[in-house]
C-alpha atoms as a PDB file:
ATOM      1  CA  MET A   1     -18.576  -7.817 -20.749  1.00  0.00           C
ATOM      2  CA  LYS A   2     -20.756  -8.686 -17.829  1.00  0.00           C
ATOM      3  CA  ILE A   3     -22.722 -11.951 -18.596  1.00  0.00           C
ATOM      4  CA  ALA A   4     -25.681 -13.287 -16.574  1.00  0.00           C
ATOM      5  CA  ARG A   5     -27.777 -16.299 -16.756  1.00  0.00           C
ATOM      6  CA  PHE A   6     -31.341 -15.503 -15.647  1.00  0.00           C
ATOM      7  CA  GLU A   7     -35.028 -16.466 -15.597  1.00  0.00           C
ATOM      8  CA  HIS A   8     -37.888 -14.309 -16.721  1.00  0.00           C
ATOM      9  CA  GLN A   9     -41.542 -15.524 -16.717  1.00  0.00           C
ATOM     10  CA  GLY A  10     -40.479 -19.186 -16.597  1.00  0.00           C
ATOM     11  CA  ARG A  11     -37.824 -19.075 -19.381  1.00  0.00           C
ATOM     12  CA  VAL A  12     -34.093 -19.216 -18.952  1.00  0.00           C
ATOM     13  CA  TYR A  13     -31.852 -16.621 -20.930  1.00  0.00           C
ATOM     14  CA  LEU A  14     -28.187 -15.680 -21.253  1.00  0.00           C
ATOM     15  CA  GLY A  15     -27.699 -12.024 -21.134  1.00  0.00           C
ATOM     16  CA  SER A  16     -25.323  -9.054 -21.294  1.00  0.00           C
ATOM     17  CA  VAL A  17     -25.610  -6.799 -18.180  1.00  0.00           C
ATOM     18  CA  LYS A  18     -25.294  -3.092 -18.694  1.00  0.00           C
ATOM     19  CA  ASP A  19     -26.042  -0.549 -15.865  1.00  0.00           C
ATOM     20  CA  GLN A  20     -29.452  -1.979 -14.384  1.00  0.00           C
ATOM     21  CA  ALA A  21     -30.615  -3.715 -17.458  1.00  0.00           C
ATOM     22  CA  VAL A  22     -29.887  -7.092 -19.112  1.00  0.00           C
ATOM     23  CA  THR A  23     -30.135  -7.833 -22.876  1.00  0.00           C
ATOM     24  CA  ALA A  24     -30.971 -11.301 -23.837  1.00  0.00           C
ATOM     25  CA  LEU A  25     -28.340 -13.204 -25.984  1.00  0.00           C
ATOM     26  CA  GLU A  26     -28.846 -15.704 -28.645  1.00  0.00           C
ATOM     27  CA  GLY A  27     -26.254 -18.350 -29.753  1.00  0.00           C
ATOM     28  CA  SER A  28     -23.680 -19.975 -27.719  1.00  0.00           C
ATOM     29  CA  LEU A  29     -21.760 -18.230 -24.962  1.00  0.00           C
ATOM     30  CA  PHE A  30     -18.633 -19.640 -26.329  1.00  0.00           C
ATOM     31  CA  GLU A  31     -18.933 -18.577 -29.798  1.00  0.00           C
ATOM     32  CA  GLN A  32     -19.585 -14.857 -29.914  1.00  0.00           C
ATOM     33  CA  PRO A  33     -23.360 -14.555 -28.923  1.00  0.00           C
ATOM     34  CA  ARG A  34     -25.439 -11.880 -30.481  1.00  0.00           C
ATOM     35  CA  GLU A  35     -27.585  -9.439 -28.548  1.00  0.00           C
ATOM     36  CA  THR A  36     -31.246  -9.407 -29.263  1.00  0.00           C
ATOM     37  CA  ALA A  37     -33.994  -6.792 -29.017  1.00  0.00           C
ATOM     38  CA  ALA A  38     -35.237  -8.370 -25.630  1.00  0.00           C
ATOM     39  CA  ILE A  39     -34.148  -6.044 -22.705  1.00  0.00           C
ATOM     40  CA  PHE A  40     -35.262  -6.491 -19.094  1.00  0.00           C
ATOM     41  CA  PRO A  41     -34.756  -4.422 -16.017  1.00  0.00           C
ATOM     42  CA  LEU A  42     -32.311  -6.292 -13.801  1.00  0.00           C
ATOM     43  CA  ALA A  43     -34.639  -5.895 -10.987  1.00  0.00           C
ATOM     44  CA  ALA A  44     -37.375  -7.878 -12.899  1.00  0.00           C
ATOM     45  CA  VAL A  45     -35.362 -10.971 -13.430  1.00  0.00           C
ATOM     46  CA  ARG A  46     -34.080 -13.946 -11.250  1.00  0.00           C
ATOM     47  CA  LEU A  47     -30.391 -14.368 -11.549  1.00  0.00           C
ATOM     48  CA  LEU A  48     -29.202 -17.997 -11.772  1.00  0.00           C
ATOM     49  CA  CYS A  49     -25.963 -19.639 -11.244  1.00  0.00           C
ATOM     50  CA  PRO A  50     -24.306 -18.105 -14.286  1.00  0.00           C
ATOM     51  CA  VAL A  51     -22.648 -21.397 -15.596  1.00  0.00           C
ATOM     52  CA  THR A  52     -23.446 -25.072 -16.145  1.00  0.00           C
ATOM     53  CA  PRO A  53     -20.059 -26.887 -16.013  1.00  0.00           C
ATOM     54  CA  SER A  54     -19.190 -30.331 -16.500  1.00  0.00           C
ATOM     55  CA  LYS A  55     -16.782 -30.060 -13.467  1.00  0.00           C
ATOM     56  CA  ILE A  56     -15.622 -27.750 -10.777  1.00  0.00           C
ATOM     57  CA  VAL A  57     -11.999 -28.011 -10.186  1.00  0.00           C
ATOM     58  CA  CYS A  58     -10.854 -26.628  -6.842  1.00  0.00           C
ATOM     59  CA  VAL A  59      -7.534 -25.571  -5.449  1.00  0.00           C
ATOM     60  CA  GLY A  60      -7.026 -25.782  -1.668  1.00  0.00           C
ATOM     61  CA  GLN A  61      -4.349 -24.036   0.559  1.00  0.00           C
ATOM     62  CA  ASN A  62      -3.443 -21.284  -1.979  1.00  0.00           C
ATOM     63  CA  TYR A  63      -3.345 -18.201   0.195  1.00  0.00           C
ATOM     64  CA  LEU A  64      -0.406 -17.766   2.587  1.00  0.00           C
ATOM     65  CA  GLY A  65      -2.668 -16.557   5.450  1.00  0.00           C
ATOM     66  CA  HIS A  66      -4.982 -19.475   5.187  1.00  0.00           C
ATOM     67  CA  ILE A  67      -2.076 -21.883   5.041  1.00  0.00           C
ATOM     68  CA  GLN A  68      -0.766 -20.342   8.311  1.00  0.00           C
ATOM     69  CA  GLU A  69      -4.314 -20.632  10.044  1.00  0.00           C
ATOM     70  CA  LEU A  70      -4.492 -24.301   8.990  1.00  0.00           C
ATOM     71  CA  GLY A  71      -0.989 -24.986  10.465  1.00  0.00           C
ATOM     72  CA  VAL A  72       0.045 -26.994   7.249  1.00  0.00           C
ATOM     73  CA  PRO A  73       3.326 -26.580   5.148  1.00  0.00           C
ATOM     74  CA  VAL A  74       3.125 -24.506   2.001  1.00  0.00           C
ATOM     75  CA  PRO A  75       2.398 -26.880  -0.791  1.00  0.00           C
ATOM     76  CA  GLN A  76       5.000 -27.434  -3.665  1.00  0.00           C
ATOM     77  CA  GLU A  77       2.203 -28.157  -6.151  1.00  0.00           C
ATOM     78  CA  PRO A  78      -1.450 -27.213  -6.349  1.00  0.00           C
ATOM     79  CA  VAL A  79      -3.637 -29.174  -4.065  1.00  0.00           C
ATOM     80  CA  ILE A  80      -6.478 -30.259  -6.445  1.00  0.00           C
ATOM     81  CA  PHE A  81     -10.000 -31.707  -5.599  1.00  0.00           C
ATOM     82  CA  LEU A  82     -13.324 -31.676  -7.282  1.00  0.00           C
ATOM     83  CA  LYS A  83     -16.883 -30.468  -6.384  1.00  0.00           C
ATOM     84  CA  PRO A  84     -19.790 -32.008  -8.403  1.00  0.00           C
ATOM     85  CA  PRO A  85     -22.004 -29.708 -10.573  1.00  0.00           C
ATOM     86  CA  SER A  86     -24.929 -30.801  -8.307  1.00  0.00           C
ATOM     87  CA  CYS A  87     -23.691 -28.490  -5.519  1.00  0.00           C
ATOM     88  CA  LEU A  88     -24.200 -25.226  -7.451  1.00  0.00           C
ATOM     89  CA  ILE A  89     -26.742 -22.594  -6.658  1.00  0.00           C
ATOM     90  CA  GLY A  90     -27.110 -19.056  -7.727  1.00  0.00           C
ATOM     91  CA  PRO A  91     -27.389 -15.639  -6.104  1.00  0.00           C
ATOM     92  CA  GLU A  92     -29.880 -15.365  -3.247  1.00  0.00           C
ATOM     93  CA  GLU A  93     -30.554 -19.027  -3.258  1.00  0.00           C
ATOM     94  CA  ALA A  94     -30.336 -20.691   0.220  1.00  0.00           C
ATOM     95  CA  ILE A  95     -27.404 -22.716   1.387  1.00  0.00           C
ATOM     96  CA  ILE A  96     -28.933 -25.707   3.148  1.00  0.00           C
ATOM     97  CA  TYR A  97     -27.417 -26.591   6.639  1.00  0.00           C
ATOM     98  CA  PRO A  98     -27.413 -30.448   6.508  1.00  0.00           C
ATOM     99  CA  ALA A  99     -29.005 -32.194   9.285  1.00  0.00           C
ATOM    100  CA  GLY A 100     -26.447 -33.717  11.550  1.00  0.00           C
ATOM    101  CA  ALA A 101     -23.640 -31.372  10.384  1.00  0.00           C
ATOM    102  CA  LYS A 102     -21.275 -30.087  13.062  1.00  0.00           C
ATOM    103  CA  ARG A 103     -19.492 -27.152  11.408  1.00  0.00           C
ATOM    104  CA  VAL A 104     -20.341 -25.573   7.982  1.00  0.00           C
ATOM    105  CA  ASP A 105     -17.846 -22.898   6.966  1.00  0.00           C
ATOM    106  CA  TYR A 106     -17.839 -20.209   4.243  1.00  0.00           C
ATOM    107  CA  GLU A 107     -14.875 -19.868   1.825  1.00  0.00           C
ATOM    108  CA  GLY A 108     -14.985 -16.965  -0.423  1.00  0.00           C
ATOM    109  CA  GLU A 109     -13.038 -17.628  -3.731  1.00  0.00           C
ATOM    110  CA  LEU A 110     -12.293 -16.274  -7.185  1.00  0.00           C
ATOM    111  CA  ALA A 111     -13.573 -18.703  -9.898  1.00  0.00           C
ATOM    112  CA  ALA A 112     -12.473 -18.792 -13.569  1.00  0.00           C
ATOM    113  CA  VAL A 113     -14.847 -19.958 -16.324  1.00  0.00           C
ATOM    114  CA  ILE A 114     -13.300 -21.823 -19.058  1.00  0.00           C
ATOM    115  CA  GLY A 115     -14.052 -20.551 -22.646  1.00  0.00           C
ATOM    116  CA  ARG A 116     -12.493 -23.111 -24.848  1.00  0.00           C
ATOM    117  CA  THR A 117     -11.151 -26.661 -24.551  1.00  0.00           C
ATOM    118  CA  MET A 118      -7.840 -26.825 -22.601  1.00  0.00           C
ATOM    119  CA  THR A 119      -5.494 -29.731 -22.848  1.00  0.00           C
ATOM    120  CA  LYS A 120      -1.879 -29.463 -21.899  1.00  0.00           C
ATOM    121  CA  VAL A 121      -1.763 -25.564 -22.409  1.00  0.00           C
ATOM    122  CA  PRO A 122       1.386 -23.823 -21.536  1.00  0.00           C
ATOM    123  CA  GLU A 123       1.396 -21.338 -18.551  1.00  0.00           C
ATOM    124  CA  ALA A 124       1.957 -18.320 -20.712  1.00  0.00           C
ATOM    125  CA  GLU A 125      -1.073 -19.030 -22.844  1.00  0.00           C
ATOM    126  CA  ALA A 126      -3.415 -20.264 -20.165  1.00  0.00           C
ATOM    127  CA  LEU A 127      -5.479 -17.008 -19.567  1.00  0.00           C
ATOM    128  CA  LYS A 128      -6.290 -16.928 -23.279  1.00  0.00           C
ATOM    129  CA  TYR A 129      -8.638 -19.901 -22.662  1.00  0.00           C
ATOM    130  CA  VAL A 130     -10.624 -18.210 -19.784  1.00  0.00           C
ATOM    131  CA  LEU A 131     -13.986 -16.723 -20.759  1.00  0.00           C
ATOM    132  CA  GLY A 132     -14.208 -14.624 -17.534  1.00  0.00           C
ATOM    133  CA  TYR A 133     -14.510 -14.637 -13.792  1.00  0.00           C
ATOM    134  CA  THR A 134     -16.911 -14.896 -11.013  1.00  0.00           C
ATOM    135  CA  CYS A 135     -17.500 -15.133  -7.209  1.00  0.00           C
ATOM    136  CA  PHE A 136     -17.730 -18.530  -5.621  1.00  0.00           C
ATOM    137  CA  ASN A 137     -18.299 -19.814  -2.141  1.00  0.00           C
ATOM    138  CA  ASP A 138     -16.690 -23.191  -1.425  1.00  0.00           C
ATOM    139  CA  VAL A 139     -18.963 -24.161   1.448  1.00  0.00           C
ATOM    140  CA  THR A 140     -17.411 -26.855   3.614  1.00  0.00           C
ATOM    141  CA  GLU A 141     -18.618 -29.272   6.314  1.00  0.00           C
ATOM    142  CA  ARG A 142     -15.338 -28.590   8.170  1.00  0.00           C
ATOM    143  CA  ALA A 143     -15.750 -31.307  10.778  1.00  0.00           C
ATOM    144  CA  LEU A 144     -16.196 -33.973   8.170  1.00  0.00           C
ATOM    145  CA  VAL A 145     -13.125 -32.653   6.351  1.00  0.00           C
ATOM    146  CA  MET A 146     -10.975 -32.420   9.324  1.00  0.00           C
ATOM    147  CA  LYS A 147     -11.990 -36.026  10.454  1.00  0.00           C
ATOM    148  CA  ASP A 148     -10.422 -37.478   7.227  1.00  0.00           C
ATOM    149  CA  PRO A 149      -8.802 -35.638   4.319  1.00  0.00           C
ATOM    150  CA  LEU A 150     -10.050 -38.322   2.082  1.00  0.00           C
ATOM    151  CA  LEU A 151     -13.534 -37.041   2.756  1.00  0.00           C
ATOM    152  CA  LEU A 152     -12.674 -33.564   1.121  1.00  0.00           C
ATOM    153  CA  THR A 153     -14.885 -33.884  -1.924  1.00  0.00           C
ATOM    154  CA  LEU A 154     -17.726 -35.273   0.225  1.00  0.00           C
ATOM    155  CA  GLY A 155     -17.558 -32.492   2.850  1.00  0.00           C
ATOM    156  CA  LYS A 156     -17.448 -29.777   0.103  1.00  0.00           C
ATOM    157  CA  GLY A 157     -19.716 -31.418  -2.508  1.00  0.00           C
ATOM    158  CA  LEU A 158     -23.012 -31.443  -0.599  1.00  0.00           C
ATOM    159  CA  ASP A 159     -26.163 -30.040  -2.298  1.00  0.00           C
ATOM    160  CA  THR A 160     -26.256 -26.209  -2.232  1.00  0.00           C
ATOM    161  CA  PHE A 161     -22.424 -26.035  -1.182  1.00  0.00           C
ATOM    162  CA  GLY A 162     -21.464 -24.317  -4.416  1.00  0.00           C
ATOM    163  CA  PRO A 163     -22.985 -20.676  -4.532  1.00  0.00           C
ATOM    164  CA  CYS A 164     -21.694 -19.055  -7.739  1.00  0.00           C
ATOM    165  CA  GLY A 165     -22.355 -15.657  -9.388  1.00  0.00           C
ATOM    166  CA  PRO A 166     -23.811 -13.260  -9.754  1.00  0.00           C
ATOM    167  CA  PHE A 167     -22.183 -12.551 -13.247  1.00  0.00           C
ATOM    168  CA  VAL A 168     -19.166 -13.729 -15.353  1.00  0.00           C
ATOM    169  CA  VAL A 169     -17.017 -10.830 -16.190  1.00  0.00           C
ATOM    170  CA  THR A 170     -14.680 -10.878 -18.992  1.00  0.00           C
ATOM    171  CA  ASP A 171     -12.281  -7.919 -18.621  1.00  0.00           C
ATOM    172  CA  VAL A 172     -10.599  -8.052 -15.324  1.00  0.00           C
ATOM    173  CA  ASP A 173      -6.982  -9.113 -14.172  1.00  0.00           C
ATOM    174  CA  PRO A 174      -7.361 -12.176 -12.105  1.00  0.00           C
ATOM    175  CA  GLY A 175      -3.835 -11.582 -10.540  1.00  0.00           C
ATOM    176  CA  ASN A 176      -4.679  -8.442  -8.727  1.00  0.00           C
ATOM    177  CA  LEU A 177      -8.291  -8.381  -7.345  1.00  0.00           C
ATOM    178  CA  GLU A 178      -9.521  -7.593  -3.890  1.00  0.00           C
ATOM    179  CA  ILE A 179     -11.552 -10.302  -2.305  1.00  0.00           C
ATOM    180  CA  LYS A 180     -13.785 -10.016   0.817  1.00  0.00           C
ATOM    181  CA  THR A 181     -16.402 -12.271   2.478  1.00  0.00           C
ATOM    182  CA  TYR A 182     -18.988 -10.885   4.862  1.00  0.00           C
ATOM    183  CA  LEU A 183     -20.981 -12.847   7.454  1.00  0.00           C
ATOM    184  CA  ASN A 184     -24.111 -10.859   8.562  1.00  0.00           C
ATOM    185  CA  GLY A 185     -22.624  -7.681   7.174  1.00  0.00           C
ATOM    186  CA  ARG A 186     -19.359  -8.113   8.854  1.00  0.00           C
ATOM    187  CA  VAL A 187     -16.035  -8.470   6.996  1.00  0.00           C
ATOM    188  CA  VAL A 188     -14.526 -11.953   7.921  1.00  0.00           C
ATOM    189  CA  GLN A 189     -12.194 -12.576   5.074  1.00  0.00           C
ATOM    190  CA  GLU A 190     -10.098  -9.971   3.147  1.00  0.00           C
ATOM    191  CA  ASP A 191      -7.180 -10.387   0.855  1.00  0.00           C
ATOM    192  CA  ASN A 192      -5.849  -9.869  -2.748  1.00  0.00           C
ATOM    193  CA  THR A 193      -5.431 -12.605  -5.264  1.00  0.00           C
ATOM    194  CA  ARG A 194      -1.904 -11.369  -5.738  1.00  0.00           C
ATOM    195  CA  ASN A 195      -1.149 -13.317  -2.522  1.00  0.00           C
ATOM    196  CA  CYS A 196      -1.852 -16.737  -3.803  1.00  0.00           C
ATOM    197  CA  VAL A 197       0.851 -19.198  -3.771  1.00  0.00           C
ATOM    198  CA  PHE A 198       0.017 -20.459  -7.388  1.00  0.00           C
ATOM    199  CA  SER A 199      -1.104 -18.004  -9.897  1.00  0.00           C
ATOM    200  CA  LEU A 200      -4.210 -18.798 -12.011  1.00  0.00           C
ATOM    201  CA  GLU A 201      -1.992 -19.253 -14.977  1.00  0.00           C
ATOM    202  CA  LYS A 202       0.125 -21.846 -13.041  1.00  0.00           C
ATOM    203  CA  ILE A 203      -3.062 -23.632 -11.866  1.00  0.00           C
ATOM    204  CA  LEU A 204      -4.682 -23.856 -15.300  1.00  0.00           C
ATOM    205  CA  HIS A 205      -1.388 -25.167 -16.765  1.00  0.00           C
ATOM    206  CA  TYR A 206      -1.043 -27.667 -14.030  1.00  0.00           C
ATOM    207  CA  VAL A 207      -4.771 -28.985 -14.177  1.00  0.00           C
ATOM    208  CA  SER A 208      -4.817 -28.967 -18.025  1.00  0.00           C
ATOM    209  CA  ALA A 209      -1.685 -31.202 -18.172  1.00  0.00           C
ATOM    210  CA  ARG A 210      -3.756 -33.871 -16.157  1.00  0.00           C
ATOM    211  CA  MET A 211      -7.277 -33.380 -17.389  1.00  0.00           C
ATOM    212  CA  THR A 212      -9.062 -31.680 -20.118  1.00  0.00           C
ATOM    213  CA  LEU A 213     -10.975 -28.563 -19.153  1.00  0.00           C
ATOM    214  CA  ASN A 214     -14.136 -27.953 -21.249  1.00  0.00           C
ATOM    215  CA  PRO A 215     -15.977 -24.738 -22.039  1.00  0.00           C
ATOM    216  CA  GLY A 216     -18.081 -23.890 -19.007  1.00  0.00           C
ATOM    217  CA  ASP A 217     -15.915 -25.609 -16.526  1.00  0.00           C
ATOM    218  CA  VAL A 218     -15.203 -23.671 -13.361  1.00  0.00           C
ATOM    219  CA  VAL A 219     -11.871 -23.516 -11.644  1.00  0.00           C
ATOM    220  CA  ILE A 220     -11.889 -22.107  -8.156  1.00  0.00           C
ATOM    221  CA  THR A 221      -8.548 -20.677  -6.721  1.00  0.00           C
ATOM    222  CA  GLY A 222      -8.578 -21.053  -2.996  1.00  0.00           C
ATOM    223  CA  THR A 223      -9.832 -18.975  -0.019  1.00  0.00           C
ATOM    224  CA  PRO A 224      -8.024 -16.356   2.140  1.00  0.00           C
ATOM    225  CA  LYS A 225      -7.638 -16.674   5.886  1.00  0.00           C
ATOM    226  CA  GLY A 226     -10.576 -16.127   8.134  1.00  0.00           C
ATOM    227  CA  ILE A 227     -12.655 -19.254   7.682  1.00  0.00           C
ATOM    228  CA  ALA A 228     -15.406 -19.698  10.387  1.00  0.00           C
ATOM    229  CA  PRO A 229     -18.638 -21.552  10.753  1.00  0.00           C
ATOM    230  CA  MET A 230     -22.124 -20.326   9.749  1.00  0.00           C
ATOM    231  CA  LYS A 231     -25.441 -21.157  11.177  1.00  0.00           C
ATOM    232  CA  PRO A 232     -29.145 -21.044   9.983  1.00  0.00           C
ATOM    233  CA  GLY A 233     -30.386 -17.458   9.858  1.00  0.00           C
ATOM    234  CA  ASP A 234     -26.931 -16.110   8.772  1.00  0.00           C
ATOM    235  CA  LEU A 235     -26.347 -14.194   5.479  1.00  0.00           C
ATOM    236  CA  VAL A 236     -23.038 -14.830   3.855  1.00  0.00           C
ATOM    237  CA  GLU A 237     -21.779 -12.644   0.930  1.00  0.00           C
ATOM    238  CA  VAL A 238     -18.566 -12.995  -1.192  1.00  0.00           C
ATOM    239  CA  GLU A 239     -17.439  -9.655  -2.905  1.00  0.00           C
ATOM    240  CA  ILE A 240     -14.651  -9.512  -5.535  1.00  0.00           C
ATOM    241  CA  GLU A 241     -13.400  -6.292  -7.034  1.00  0.00           C
ATOM    242  CA  GLY A 242     -15.016  -5.737 -10.416  1.00  0.00           C
ATOM    243  CA  LEU A 243     -17.198  -8.836 -10.234  1.00  0.00           C
ATOM    244  CA  GLY A 244     -20.005  -7.964  -7.918  1.00  0.00           C
ATOM    245  CA  ARG A 245     -21.376  -9.455  -4.655  1.00  0.00           C
ATOM    246  CA  LEU A 246     -22.653 -12.967  -4.277  1.00  0.00           C
ATOM    247  CA  ARG A 247     -25.291 -13.140  -1.489  1.00  0.00           C
ATOM    248  CA  ASN A 248     -26.824 -16.343   0.009  1.00  0.00           C
ATOM    249  CA  PRO A 249     -28.748 -17.023   3.257  1.00  0.00           C
ATOM    250  CA  ILE A 250     -28.353 -20.141   5.392  1.00  0.00           C
ATOM    251  CA  LYS A 251     -31.208 -22.391   6.097  1.00  0.00           C
ATOM    252  CA  ALA A 252     -31.872 -25.351   8.144  1.00  0.00           C
ATOM    253  CA  ALA A 253     -32.535 -28.582   6.307  1.00  0.00           C
END
């Protein structure tokens, strides 16, 4: 199933996407929502960020290539930090380049959307708690982060620094997905999720042993090598096999 959150004529809906149409859903996304008779052409709606989480849990240094380009040791446990939900934007919305920022980077990532409450879940059971998967861009003010690792959340949590979407897809294997990031149409990151140091199952087990994950929460799983800066006027896109392509322009503050 491919799930969208969208706006049509000032009203926000959840919907099920098939081909080039979206059918509005009623009920909770986490309790078997039902299709309604309202069907809209996909081109006639505005896609929104598909989730409204209580928190965004992030994993750093999870692809071997990225670890090598940073010049840091391979972590023995997942490196965890948080982004605030206030950073989220949807497809086609602008990433705002902050006034005074020295270097703003893209970071294409796979995101998992939690489907039911997770607390101390065994690794073997972890994927049963996932509703689906989507694309995420962990936008980063690199100069701030490199200045002091304690500024990680601040450097990654600025408004508009969390593009997410376009859809949540329920039926893919998160352990074997091609992921690419494009800057102005040129591929700048390319890898496969099988090359992660820590699998999604391991990450969800590790995190849920330490904090409860709620339905709708987002867990992003790290970025491949190839990080580099963007500038106002650029277009950045994150494409993941089976999930679609997330497009966002960069605009000056």
